[in-house]
Amino acid sequence: MSTDGYRPARQHDTPEYWSAKMIAEQLRGRNIRDERVLAAFAKAPRHLFCPSASLSEAYADHPVEIGCGQTISQPYMVAWMLEAARLRPTDRVLEIGTGSGYQAALLAQLVARVFSVERIPELLAEARERLARLDLENVTLREGDGSAGWLEHAPFDAIFYTAAAPEVPQPVKRQLAIGGRLLAPVGLRHHQNLLRIERTGEVTYHEKELGGCVFVPLRGEFGWND
């Protein structure tokens, strides 16, 4: 029986089938090699985070709309960012844009603490319910403008943007611990580069472009407001 409690008509109607297919083809098949990241994907039931989609759509190789003009990102894109961040079990992580809660659910299995900010109350409430359903107790959620980070809980060992920013502002960079890594899609509204920023000292940072991507625009004080 599936994790949702129904009896499928065919073997490939199960979440387990689609999850295994996603991991084999979209993640391992595209050189995601971090076994901790892959294990986190196996344990996070993606279909719970996009309930309006069919199983095949929920685990498909593209973003899925979750309402309020937002999406749950393509599985490979999420895995790419998680692997690039070189996460450690002791890390404290900030997520800017909770959305459906899917990436927070993955992060919760990889690090010690997750702090996530979402500006849309409806999405935040749904994410909170899903994370509670999965008994993920190391995630702290807050409603508000995440574009400025979450200074109260800084410094962070890693920071993730789940929406595209025109730039990464200094107030957010300063919330990284020394040695911390920040992953963000940065650039134009309709096309960005995935940027990894590592804080190397009190006032020094190393930036590297990892490749092209397209994310929904970040809103807020340091986001897109037109």
Protein backbone atom coordinates (compact mmCIF):
# COMPACT_ATOMS: atom_id res chain seq x y z
CA MET A 1 0.00 0.00 0.00
CA SER A 2 1.26 3.50 -0.73
CA THR A 3 2.22 6.13 1.82
CA ASP A 4 -1.11 7.87 1.17
CA GLY A 5 -3.13 4.84 2.22
CA TYR A 6 -4.66 3.86 -1.12
CA ARG A 7 -4.14 0.60 -3.01
CA PRO A 8 -2.71 1.32 -6.48
CA ALA A 9 -4.13 -0.31 -9.57
CA ARG A 10 -0.66 -0.89 -11.02
CA GLN A 11 2.82 -1.06 -9.59
CA HIS A 12 3.87 2.19 -11.24
CA ASP A 13 1.03 4.08 -9.56
CA THR A 14 2.93 4.14 -6.26
CA PRO A 15 4.91 7.07 -4.83
CA GLU A 16 7.79 4.66 -4.19
CA TYR A 17 8.00 3.80 -7.89
CA TRP A 18 8.03 7.42 -9.05
CA SER A 19 10.47 8.48 -6.33
CA ALA A 20 12.93 5.72 -7.24
CA LYS A 21 12.59 6.60 -10.93
CA MET A 22 13.23 10.29 -10.20
CA ILE A 23 16.36 9.53 -8.18
CA ALA A 24 17.77 7.06 -10.71
CA GLU A 25 17.11 9.08 -13.85
CA GLN A 26 17.07 12.75 -12.83
CA LEU A 27 19.61 12.75 -10.00
CA ARG A 28 22.05 9.85 -10.34
CA GLY A 29 21.62 10.05 -14.11
CA ARG A 30 22.86 13.66 -14.01
CA ASN A 31 25.83 13.02 -11.74
CA ILE A 32 24.41 13.87 -8.33
CA ARG A 33 26.78 11.76 -6.25
CA ASP A 34 26.32 12.88 -2.64
CA GLU A 35 24.74 9.82 -1.01
CA ARG A 36 23.35 11.89 1.86
CA VAL A 37 21.51 14.12 -0.61
CA LEU A 38 20.17 11.12 -2.52
CA ALA A 39 19.00 9.47 0.70
CA ALA A 40 17.18 12.66 1.72
CA PHE A 41 15.27 12.66 -1.58
CA ALA A 42 14.29 9.03 -1.00
CA LYS A 43 12.81 9.92 2.40
CA ALA A 44 10.97 13.12 1.40
CA PRO A 45 7.68 12.24 -0.38
CA ARG A 46 7.61 14.95 -3.06
CA HIS A 47 3.95 14.31 -3.90
CA LEU A 48 2.92 15.55 -0.45
CA PHE A 49 4.29 18.97 -1.35
CA CYS A 50 2.34 19.38 -4.60
CA PRO A 51 -0.97 17.61 -3.83
CA SER A 52 -2.82 18.97 -6.87
CA ALA A 53 -0.42 17.16 -9.23
CA SER A 54 -0.66 13.52 -10.26
CA LEU A 55 2.10 11.21 -9.04
CA SER A 56 3.83 11.25 -12.42
CA GLU A 57 3.70 15.07 -12.50
CA ALA A 58 4.82 15.46 -8.89
CA TYR A 59 8.02 13.51 -9.60
CA ALA A 60 8.53 14.82 -13.15
CA ASP A 61 11.64 16.59 -14.44
CA HIS A 62 10.26 20.14 -14.19
CA PRO A 63 8.89 22.65 -11.67
CA VAL A 64 5.30 22.18 -10.47
CA GLU A 65 2.91 25.02 -9.61
CA ILE A 66 1.86 25.14 -5.95
CA GLY A 67 -0.42 28.19 -6.06
CA CYS A 68 0.03 31.89 -5.28
CA GLY A 69 2.20 32.24 -8.40
CA GLN A 70 4.89 29.98 -6.90
CA THR A 71 6.41 26.63 -7.87
CA ILE A 72 8.17 23.66 -6.34
CA SER A 73 11.52 23.54 -8.12
CA GLN A 74 12.68 20.84 -10.53
CA PRO A 75 14.14 17.92 -8.52
CA TYR A 76 17.55 18.13 -10.18
CA MET A 77 17.85 21.86 -9.47
CA VAL A 78 17.18 21.29 -5.77
CA ALA A 79 19.69 18.43 -5.64
CA TRP A 80 22.29 20.47 -7.51
CA MET A 81 22.04 23.28 -4.97
CA LEU A 82 22.13 20.94 -1.99
CA GLU A 83 25.20 19.11 -3.28
CA ALA A 84 26.98 22.34 -4.18
CA ALA A 85 26.52 23.65 -0.64
CA ARG A 86 28.66 20.85 0.84
CA LEU A 87 26.34 20.50 3.82
CA ARG A 88 27.44 18.98 7.12
CA PRO A 89 25.28 17.34 9.81
CA THR A 90 26.17 20.11 12.29
CA ASP A 91 25.22 23.01 10.00
CA ARG A 92 22.65 25.70 10.74
CA VAL A 93 20.92 26.72 7.52
CA LEU A 94 18.74 29.62 6.38
CA GLU A 95 16.24 29.11 3.56
CA ILE A 96 14.88 32.26 1.90
CA GLY A 97 11.48 31.24 0.54
CA THR A 98 9.81 28.23 2.19
CA GLY A 99 7.31 27.71 -0.63
CA SER A 100 5.82 24.23 -0.38
CA GLY A 101 8.28 23.19 2.34
CA TYR A 102 9.93 20.55 0.14
CA GLN A 103 13.48 21.87 0.28
CA ALA A 104 13.12 22.47 4.03
CA ALA A 105 12.12 18.80 4.39
CA LEU A 106 15.27 17.77 2.51
CA LEU A 107 17.48 20.12 4.50
CA ALA A 108 16.04 18.87 7.78
CA GLN A 109 17.54 15.45 7.04
CA LEU A 110 20.95 16.86 6.15
CA VAL A 111 21.70 19.48 8.81
CA ALA A 112 21.16 20.24 12.50
CA ARG A 113 18.81 23.23 12.23
CA VAL A 114 16.81 24.84 9.42
CA PHE A 115 15.40 28.38 9.58
CA SER A 116 13.01 29.22 6.74
CA VAL A 117 11.16 32.44 5.89
CA GLU A 118 8.06 32.70 3.67
CA ARG A 119 6.15 35.87 2.78
CA ILE A 120 2.87 34.19 1.68
CA PRO A 121 0.78 33.11 4.70
CA GLU A 122 -1.16 30.41 2.85
CA LEU A 123 1.99 28.68 1.64
CA LEU A 124 3.60 28.94 5.07
CA ALA A 125 0.61 27.32 6.77
CA GLU A 126 0.60 24.44 4.30
CA ALA A 127 4.35 23.95 4.63
CA ARG A 128 4.10 23.93 8.42
CA GLU A 129 1.42 21.22 8.27
CA ARG A 130 3.45 19.03 5.91
CA LEU A 131 6.63 19.29 7.94
CA ALA A 132 4.72 18.42 11.11
CA ARG A 133 3.20 15.43 9.35
CA LEU A 134 6.72 14.19 8.62
CA ASP A 135 7.82 14.80 12.24
CA LEU A 136 10.60 17.16 11.16
CA GLU A 137 11.16 19.06 14.39
CA ASN A 138 14.43 20.81 13.52
CA VAL A 139 12.77 23.33 11.17
CA THR A 140 11.78 26.80 12.40
CA LEU A 141 9.42 28.76 10.13
CA ARG A 142 8.56 32.44 10.06
CA GLU A 143 6.27 34.62 7.98
CA GLY A 144 7.95 37.71 6.58
CA ASP A 145 10.32 39.24 4.05
CA GLY A 146 13.12 36.73 3.64
CA SER A 147 15.04 38.87 1.17
CA ALA A 148 16.84 40.48 4.12
CA GLY A 149 17.65 37.12 5.72
CA TRP A 150 16.96 36.35 9.39
CA LEU A 151 19.47 38.29 11.46
CA GLU A 152 18.12 37.03 14.79
CA HIS A 153 19.42 33.50 14.13
CA ALA A 154 22.62 34.40 12.25
CA PRO A 155 25.33 33.38 11.60
CA PHE A 156 24.43 30.51 9.27
CA ASP A 157 26.67 27.81 7.83
CA ALA A 158 24.64 27.86 4.62
CA ILE A 159 21.99 30.09 3.05
CA PHE A 160 19.70 29.06 0.19
CA TYR A 161 17.63 31.34 -2.02
CA THR A 162 14.65 29.53 -3.56
CA ALA A 163 13.78 32.49 -5.81
CA ALA A 164 15.78 34.64 -8.22
CA ALA A 165 17.42 37.79 -6.87
CA PRO A 166 18.85 40.74 -8.82
CA GLU A 167 21.85 40.52 -6.48
CA VAL A 168 22.82 39.18 -3.06
CA PRO A 169 22.87 42.15 -0.67
CA GLN A 170 25.61 42.72 1.88
CA PRO A 171 23.19 42.39 4.85
CA VAL A 172 22.52 38.78 3.82
CA LYS A 173 26.15 37.98 3.03
CA ARG A 174 27.10 39.16 6.51
CA GLN A 175 24.74 36.56 7.98
CA LEU A 176 27.07 33.80 6.75
CA ALA A 177 29.50 32.31 9.22
CA ILE A 178 33.12 32.38 8.13
CA GLY A 179 33.43 29.33 5.90
CA GLY A 180 29.69 29.45 5.20
CA ARG A 181 28.24 28.94 1.72
CA LEU A 182 25.37 30.79 0.04
CA LEU A 183 23.54 29.43 -3.03
CA ALA A 184 21.37 31.81 -5.03
CA PRO A 185 20.00 32.23 -8.57
CA VAL A 186 21.17 35.74 -9.47
CA GLY A 187 20.68 37.79 -12.63
CA LEU A 188 17.83 38.93 -14.83
CA ARG A 189 14.16 38.28 -14.10
CA HIS A 190 13.82 35.55 -16.71
CA HIS A 191 17.30 34.01 -16.65
CA GLN A 192 19.87 33.69 -13.90
CA ASN A 193 23.15 32.03 -12.99
CA LEU A 194 23.36 29.85 -9.92
CA LEU A 195 25.91 31.59 -7.74
CA ARG A 196 27.85 30.09 -4.83
CA ILE A 197 29.30 32.60 -2.41
CA GLU A 198 31.67 31.44 0.33
CA ARG A 199 32.62 33.72 3.18
CA THR A 200 36.39 33.44 3.52
CA GLY A 201 37.01 36.10 6.18
CA GLU A 202 35.48 38.95 8.11
CA VAL A 203 35.07 41.09 4.98
CA THR A 204 36.07 38.71 2.18
CA TYR A 205 33.99 36.41 -0.02
CA HIS A 206 34.67 34.06 -2.92
CA GLU A 207 32.04 33.87 -5.66
CA LYS A 208 31.63 31.21 -8.35
CA GLU A 209 29.03 30.88 -11.11
CA LEU A 210 27.85 27.27 -11.34
CA GLY A 211 25.57 27.48 -14.39
CA GLY A 212 22.38 28.86 -15.88
CA CYS A 213 18.95 28.49 -14.28
CA VAL A 214 15.46 30.03 -14.20
CA PHE A 215 13.60 30.67 -10.93
CA VAL A 216 10.51 32.65 -9.99
CA PRO A 217 11.43 36.20 -8.89
CA LEU A 218 12.25 36.99 -5.28
CA ARG A 219 9.97 39.60 -3.71
CA GLY A 220 10.73 41.94 -0.85
CA GLU A 221 13.13 44.70 0.13
CA PHE A 222 16.04 43.18 -1.79
CA GLY A 223 14.02 41.41 -4.48
CA TRP A 224 12.06 42.33 -7.59
CA ASN A 225 9.26 44.79 -6.87
CA ASP A 226 8.11 45.96 -10.32
